[in-house]
Amino acid sequence: MKISAVSKATGLSIDTLRFYEKIGLIDPPPRDGAGRRDYPEEVIGWIAFLGQLNATGMPQAERVRYAELRRQGAETYTTRREMLAAHREVIRTKLALMQDTLALMDRKVAIYEQLEAEENTDV
């Protein structure tokens, strides 16, 4: 896949894809006869996974470390599992906080709805 196709499929800019390659998040792809990047199809799934890690707050340095471990193969399964398990706990903590915050927002909205209703009945 050419870089423009990967960009379109992932929603990432061409500059971002080049940056990901530069810092080691994605492997440098082989080049075609004209010297253009020719990414394998599998890069789409990998980039989607990286996006999920990013969306859940995994720092860039940890994502780069995970990518490095992935390149090393099966010998790093345990380390990668441990990294993901630790990050899963971070996500659970954030999710619990967000659920508490959502409940608070629900209560606040209900209070304002009640105040508005009372104000409208005073007329």
N, C-alpha and C. Protein backbone atom coordinates (compact mmCIF):
# COMPACT_ATOMS: atom_id res chain seq x y z
N MET A 1 0.85 -1.18 0.00
CA MET A 1 0.00 0.00 0.00
C MET A 1 0.89 1.24 0.00
N LYS A 2 0.53 2.17 -0.82
CA LYS A 2 1.27 3.43 -0.84
C LYS A 2 0.89 4.25 0.39
N ILE A 3 1.72 5.19 0.74
CA ILE A 3 1.52 5.97 1.96
C ILE A 3 0.19 6.73 1.92
N SER A 4 -0.22 7.17 0.74
CA SER A 4 -1.50 7.89 0.65
C SER A 4 -2.67 6.96 0.96
N ALA A 5 -2.59 5.70 0.56
CA ALA A 5 -3.65 4.74 0.86
C ALA A 5 -3.68 4.42 2.35
N VAL A 6 -2.52 4.29 2.96
CA VAL A 6 -2.46 4.05 4.41
C VAL A 6 -3.02 5.25 5.15
N SER A 7 -2.69 6.43 4.70
CA SER A 7 -3.20 7.66 5.30
C SER A 7 -4.72 7.69 5.24
N LYS A 8 -5.26 7.38 4.08
CA LYS A 8 -6.71 7.38 3.91
C LYS A 8 -7.37 6.31 4.78
N ALA A 9 -6.79 5.12 4.83
CA ALA A 9 -7.37 4.01 5.58
C ALA A 9 -7.32 4.22 7.09
N THR A 10 -6.32 4.94 7.56
CA THR A 10 -6.14 5.10 9.01
C THR A 10 -6.61 6.45 9.53
N GLY A 11 -6.74 7.41 8.64
CA GLY A 11 -7.10 8.76 9.08
C GLY A 11 -5.91 9.56 9.58
N LEU A 12 -4.72 8.99 9.48
CA LEU A 12 -3.51 9.70 9.89
C LEU A 12 -2.93 10.44 8.69
N SER A 13 -2.34 11.57 8.95
CA SER A 13 -1.72 12.31 7.85
C SER A 13 -0.45 11.59 7.40
N ILE A 14 -0.03 11.91 6.20
CA ILE A 14 1.22 11.35 5.67
C ILE A 14 2.38 11.76 6.56
N ASP A 15 2.38 12.99 7.04
CA ASP A 15 3.45 13.44 7.95
C ASP A 15 3.46 12.62 9.23
N THR A 16 2.28 12.30 9.76
CA THR A 16 2.21 11.49 10.98
C THR A 16 2.75 10.09 10.72
N LEU A 17 2.41 9.51 9.59
CA LEU A 17 2.94 8.18 9.26
C LEU A 17 4.46 8.20 9.17
N ARG A 18 4.99 9.22 8.55
CA ARG A 18 6.46 9.34 8.47
C ARG A 18 7.07 9.52 9.85
N PHE A 19 6.39 10.29 10.70
CA PHE A 19 6.87 10.48 12.08
C PHE A 19 6.84 9.16 12.83
N TYR A 20 5.74 8.41 12.70
CA TYR A 20 5.64 7.10 13.36
C TYR A 20 6.79 6.20 12.93
N GLU A 21 7.11 6.25 11.66
CA GLU A 21 8.22 5.45 11.14
C GLU A 21 9.54 5.93 11.76
N LYS A 22 9.72 7.23 11.82
CA LYS A 22 10.96 7.81 12.34
C LYS A 22 11.21 7.43 13.79
N ILE A 23 10.15 7.43 14.62
CA ILE A 23 10.34 7.14 16.04
C ILE A 23 10.22 5.65 16.36
N GLY A 24 9.89 4.84 15.37
CA GLY A 24 9.87 3.40 15.57
C GLY A 24 8.52 2.81 15.92
N LEU A 25 7.45 3.56 15.78
CA LEU A 25 6.12 2.98 16.03
C LEU A 25 5.71 2.04 14.92
N ILE A 26 6.09 2.35 13.70
CA ILE A 26 5.85 1.44 12.59
C ILE A 26 7.18 1.17 11.90
N ASP A 27 7.28 -0.02 11.35
CA ASP A 27 8.52 -0.41 10.68
C ASP A 27 8.67 0.33 9.36
N PRO A 28 9.89 0.68 9.00
CA PRO A 28 10.09 1.27 7.67
C PRO A 28 9.67 0.24 6.62
N PRO A 29 8.78 0.62 5.72
CA PRO A 29 8.33 -0.35 4.72
C PRO A 29 9.35 -0.50 3.59
N PRO A 30 9.23 -1.59 2.86
CA PRO A 30 10.08 -1.69 1.67
C PRO A 30 9.69 -0.58 0.68
N ARG A 31 10.56 -0.33 -0.25
CA ARG A 31 10.31 0.70 -1.27
C ARG A 31 10.07 0.02 -2.62
N ASP A 32 9.22 0.65 -3.42
CA ASP A 32 9.01 0.13 -4.77
C ASP A 32 10.16 0.59 -5.67
N GLY A 33 10.08 0.26 -6.94
CA GLY A 33 11.15 0.59 -7.88
C GLY A 33 11.43 2.08 -7.99
N ALA A 34 10.40 2.89 -7.70
CA ALA A 34 10.57 4.34 -7.77
C ALA A 34 10.98 4.93 -6.43
N GLY A 35 11.20 4.08 -5.43
CA GLY A 35 11.63 4.56 -4.12
C GLY A 35 10.50 4.98 -3.20
N ARG A 36 9.26 4.70 -3.61
CA ARG A 36 8.11 5.06 -2.77
C ARG A 36 7.83 3.96 -1.75
N ARG A 37 7.38 4.39 -0.57
CA ARG A 37 7.04 3.43 0.48
C ARG A 37 5.92 2.51 0.00
N ASP A 38 6.06 1.22 0.33
CA ASP A 38 5.05 0.23 -0.05
C ASP A 38 4.72 -0.60 1.19
N TYR A 39 3.76 -0.11 1.97
CA TYR A 39 3.41 -0.72 3.25
C TYR A 39 2.65 -2.03 3.06
N PRO A 40 2.88 -3.00 3.94
CA PRO A 40 2.06 -4.22 3.91
C PRO A 40 0.66 -3.91 4.46
N GLU A 41 -0.32 -4.68 4.03
CA GLU A 41 -1.71 -4.48 4.48
C GLU A 41 -1.83 -4.54 6.00
N GLU A 42 -1.01 -5.37 6.65
CA GLU A 42 -1.11 -5.57 8.10
C GLU A 42 -0.86 -4.30 8.90
N VAL A 43 -0.22 -3.32 8.28
CA VAL A 43 0.09 -2.08 9.00
C VAL A 43 -1.19 -1.38 9.45
N ILE A 44 -2.28 -1.58 8.74
CA ILE A 44 -3.54 -0.91 9.09
C ILE A 44 -4.01 -1.36 10.48
N GLY A 45 -4.01 -2.66 10.72
CA GLY A 45 -4.42 -3.17 12.03
C GLY A 45 -3.48 -2.72 13.14
N TRP A 46 -2.19 -2.70 12.85
CA TRP A 46 -1.20 -2.27 13.83
C TRP A 46 -1.41 -0.80 14.19
N ILE A 47 -1.64 0.03 13.18
CA ILE A 47 -1.86 1.45 13.42
C ILE A 47 -3.16 1.66 14.21
N ALA A 48 -4.18 0.86 13.92
CA ALA A 48 -5.43 0.95 14.69
C ALA A 48 -5.18 0.62 16.16
N PHE A 49 -4.38 -0.41 16.41
CA PHE A 49 -4.04 -0.78 17.78
C PHE A 49 -3.27 0.34 18.47
N LEU A 50 -2.30 0.91 17.76
CA LEU A 50 -1.55 2.04 18.33
C LEU A 50 -2.49 3.20 18.65
N GLY A 51 -3.47 3.43 17.80
CA GLY A 51 -4.44 4.48 18.05
C GLY A 51 -5.24 4.24 19.31
N GLN A 52 -5.60 2.98 19.56
CA GLN A 52 -6.32 2.65 20.78
C GLN A 52 -5.44 2.86 22.00
N LEU A 53 -4.19 2.47 21.91
CA LEU A 53 -3.27 2.71 23.03
C LEU A 53 -3.15 4.20 23.31
N ASN A 54 -3.05 4.98 22.26
CA ASN A 54 -2.96 6.43 22.40
C ASN A 54 -4.24 6.99 23.01
N ALA A 55 -5.38 6.55 22.51
CA ALA A 55 -6.68 7.05 22.99
C ALA A 55 -6.89 6.74 24.47
N THR A 56 -6.28 5.68 24.95
CA THR A 56 -6.44 5.31 26.35
C THR A 56 -5.34 5.90 27.23
N GLY A 57 -4.52 6.75 26.63
CA GLY A 57 -3.56 7.49 27.44
C GLY A 57 -2.19 6.86 27.60
N MET A 58 -1.88 5.81 26.85
CA MET A 58 -0.53 5.25 26.97
C MET A 58 0.46 6.26 26.41
N PRO A 59 1.46 6.63 27.19
CA PRO A 59 2.45 7.60 26.71
C PRO A 59 3.18 7.11 25.46
N GLN A 60 3.60 8.05 24.66
CA GLN A 60 4.29 7.73 23.42
C GLN A 60 5.51 6.85 23.66
N ALA A 61 6.28 7.15 24.68
CA ALA A 61 7.49 6.36 24.96
C ALA A 61 7.14 4.90 25.23
N GLU A 62 6.03 4.65 25.91
CA GLU A 62 5.61 3.27 26.16
C GLU A 62 5.14 2.59 24.88
N ARG A 63 4.46 3.35 24.02
CA ARG A 63 4.02 2.77 22.74
C ARG A 63 5.23 2.42 21.88
N VAL A 64 6.24 3.28 21.90
CA VAL A 64 7.47 2.99 21.15
C VAL A 64 8.15 1.76 21.73
N ARG A 65 8.21 1.67 23.04
CA ARG A 65 8.81 0.49 23.69
C ARG A 65 8.06 -0.78 23.31
N TYR A 66 6.74 -0.70 23.32
CA TYR A 66 5.92 -1.86 22.94
C TYR A 66 6.23 -2.26 21.49
N ALA A 67 6.34 -1.28 20.60
CA ALA A 67 6.66 -1.57 19.19
C ALA A 67 8.03 -2.23 19.07
N GLU A 68 8.99 -1.76 19.86
CA GLU A 68 10.33 -2.37 19.85
C GLU A 68 10.25 -3.83 20.29
N LEU A 69 9.50 -4.08 21.35
CA LEU A 69 9.34 -5.45 21.84
C LEU A 69 8.65 -6.33 20.80
N ARG A 70 7.65 -5.78 20.14
CA ARG A 70 6.92 -6.52 19.11
C ARG A 70 7.88 -6.97 18.01
N ARG A 71 8.79 -6.11 17.62
CA ARG A 71 9.76 -6.45 16.57
C ARG A 71 10.66 -7.60 17.01
N GLN A 72 10.88 -7.73 18.32
CA GLN A 72 11.76 -8.78 18.82
C GLN A 72 11.11 -10.16 18.80
N GLY A 73 9.80 -10.21 18.64
CA GLY A 73 9.13 -11.49 18.46
C GLY A 73 8.66 -12.16 19.74
N ALA A 74 8.50 -13.48 19.62
CA ALA A 74 7.87 -14.30 20.66
C ALA A 74 8.59 -14.23 22.01
N GLU A 75 9.87 -13.98 22.00
CA GLU A 75 10.61 -13.94 23.26
C GLU A 75 10.16 -12.80 24.17
N THR A 76 9.38 -11.87 23.64
CA THR A 76 8.92 -10.73 24.44
C THR A 76 7.44 -10.82 24.80
N TYR A 77 6.81 -11.95 24.54
CA TYR A 77 5.37 -12.08 24.86
C TYR A 77 5.08 -11.72 26.31
N THR A 78 5.86 -12.23 27.22
CA THR A 78 5.60 -11.98 28.65
C THR A 78 5.71 -10.50 28.97
N THR A 79 6.74 -9.86 28.48
CA THR A 79 6.92 -8.43 28.75
C THR A 79 5.78 -7.62 28.16
N ARG A 80 5.38 -7.97 26.93
CA ARG A 80 4.27 -7.24 26.30
C ARG A 80 2.97 -7.46 27.06
N ARG A 81 2.73 -8.70 27.47
CA ARG A 81 1.52 -8.98 28.25
C ARG A 81 1.53 -8.17 29.53
N GLU A 82 2.67 -8.11 30.20
CA GLU A 82 2.77 -7.34 31.45
C GLU A 82 2.52 -5.85 31.20
N MET A 83 3.06 -5.33 30.10
CA MET A 83 2.82 -3.92 29.77
C MET A 83 1.34 -3.66 29.56
N LEU A 84 0.69 -4.53 28.79
CA LEU A 84 -0.73 -4.33 28.51
C LEU A 84 -1.58 -4.53 29.75
N ALA A 85 -1.21 -5.48 30.60
CA ALA A 85 -1.96 -5.69 31.85
C ALA A 85 -1.85 -4.46 32.75
N ALA A 86 -0.67 -3.88 32.83
CA ALA A 86 -0.49 -2.67 33.65
C ALA A 86 -1.30 -1.52 33.07
N HIS A 87 -1.29 -1.39 31.75
CA HIS A 87 -2.05 -0.31 31.12
C HIS A 87 -3.55 -0.55 31.29
N ARG A 88 -3.95 -1.80 31.25
CA ARG A 88 -5.37 -2.13 31.48
C ARG A 88 -5.82 -1.62 32.84
N GLU A 89 -4.97 -1.73 33.85
CA GLU A 89 -5.33 -1.23 35.18
C GLU A 89 -5.45 0.29 35.19
N VAL A 90 -4.58 0.95 34.44
CA VAL A 90 -4.68 2.41 34.31
C VAL A 90 -6.02 2.77 33.68
N ILE A 91 -6.39 2.04 32.63
CA ILE A 91 -7.67 2.29 31.96
C ILE A 91 -8.83 2.07 32.93
N ARG A 92 -8.77 0.99 33.69
CA ARG A 92 -9.85 0.72 34.65
C ARG A 92 -9.99 1.85 35.67
N THR A 93 -8.87 2.36 36.14
CA THR A 93 -8.91 3.47 37.10
C THR A 93 -9.52 4.71 36.46
N LYS A 94 -9.10 5.02 35.24
CA LYS A 94 -9.65 6.18 34.54
C LYS A 94 -11.13 5.99 34.26
N LEU A 95 -11.52 4.79 33.89
CA LEU A 95 -12.92 4.50 33.60
C LEU A 95 -13.78 4.68 34.84
N ALA A 96 -13.30 4.22 35.98
CA ALA A 96 -14.05 4.40 37.23
C ALA A 96 -14.21 5.88 37.55
N LEU A 97 -13.16 6.65 37.36
CA LEU A 97 -13.23 8.09 37.59
C LEU A 97 -14.22 8.73 36.63
N MET A 98 -14.18 8.34 35.38
CA MET A 98 -15.11 8.89 34.39
C MET A 98 -16.55 8.52 34.73
N GLN A 99 -16.78 7.30 35.22
CA GLN A 99 -18.13 6.90 35.60
C GLN A 99 -18.62 7.73 36.78
N ASP A 100 -17.76 7.98 37.74
CA ASP A 100 -18.12 8.84 38.87
C ASP A 100 -18.43 10.25 38.39
N THR A 101 -17.62 10.75 37.48
CA THR A 101 -17.82 12.10 36.95
C THR A 101 -19.12 12.16 36.15
N LEU A 102 -19.42 11.14 35.39
CA LEU A 102 -20.67 11.09 34.63
C LEU A 102 -21.86 11.11 35.57
N ALA A 103 -21.79 10.35 36.65
CA ALA A 103 -22.89 10.34 37.62
C ALA A 103 -23.07 11.73 38.23
N LEU A 104 -21.99 12.40 38.54
CA LEU A 104 -22.07 13.76 39.07
C LEU A 104 -22.71 14.70 38.05
N MET A 105 -22.30 14.61 36.79
CA MET A 105 -22.88 15.46 35.74
C MET A 105 -24.37 15.17 35.60
N ASP A 106 -24.76 13.90 35.67
CA ASP A 106 -26.19 13.55 35.60
C ASP A 106 -26.97 14.22 36.72
N ARG A 107 -26.40 14.20 37.93
CA ARG A 107 -27.08 14.84 39.07
C ARG A 107 -27.18 16.35 38.87
N LYS A 108 -26.11 16.96 38.41
CA LYS A 108 -26.11 18.41 38.20
C LYS A 108 -27.13 18.80 37.12
N VAL A 109 -27.16 18.08 36.03
CA VAL A 109 -28.12 18.37 34.97
C VAL A 109 -29.54 18.23 35.50
N ALA A 110 -29.79 17.20 36.28
CA ALA A 110 -31.13 17.00 36.86
C ALA A 110 -31.52 18.16 37.77
N ILE A 111 -30.57 18.65 38.55
CA ILE A 111 -30.85 19.80 39.42
C ILE A 111 -31.25 21.01 38.59
N TYR A 112 -30.49 21.29 37.53
CA TYR A 112 -30.81 22.44 36.69
C TYR A 112 -32.15 22.25 35.98
N GLU A 113 -32.43 21.05 35.55
CA GLU A 113 -33.73 20.79 34.91
C GLU A 113 -34.87 21.06 35.90
N GLN A 114 -34.66 20.64 37.14
CA GLN A 114 -35.67 20.88 38.18
C GLN A 114 -35.82 22.37 38.45
N LEU A 115 -34.72 23.08 38.56
CA LEU A 115 -34.77 24.53 38.79
C LEU A 115 -35.47 25.25 37.64
N GLU A 116 -35.18 24.84 36.43
CA GLU A 116 -35.83 25.45 35.27
C GLU A 116 -37.33 25.18 35.28
N ALA A 117 -37.71 23.96 35.63
CA ALA A 117 -39.13 23.61 35.67
C ALA A 117 -39.85 24.42 36.74
N GLU A 118 -39.22 24.58 37.90
CA GLU A 118 -39.83 25.36 38.98
C GLU A 118 -39.96 26.83 38.58
N GLU A 119 -38.95 27.34 37.88
CA GLU A 119 -38.99 28.73 37.44
C GLU A 119 -40.12 28.95 36.45
N ASN A 120 -40.35 27.99 35.58
CA ASN A 120 -41.40 28.11 34.57
C ASN A 120 -42.80 27.98 35.16
N THR A 121 -42.94 27.36 36.32
CA THR A 121 -44.27 27.21 36.93
C THR A 121 -44.63 28.41 37.79
N ASP A 122 -43.68 29.29 38.07
CA ASP A 122 -43.95 30.47 38.89
C ASP A 122 -44.65 31.57 38.10
N VAL A 123 -44.73 31.45 36.82
CA VAL A 123 -45.29 32.51 35.98
C VAL A 123 -46.78 32.58 36.07
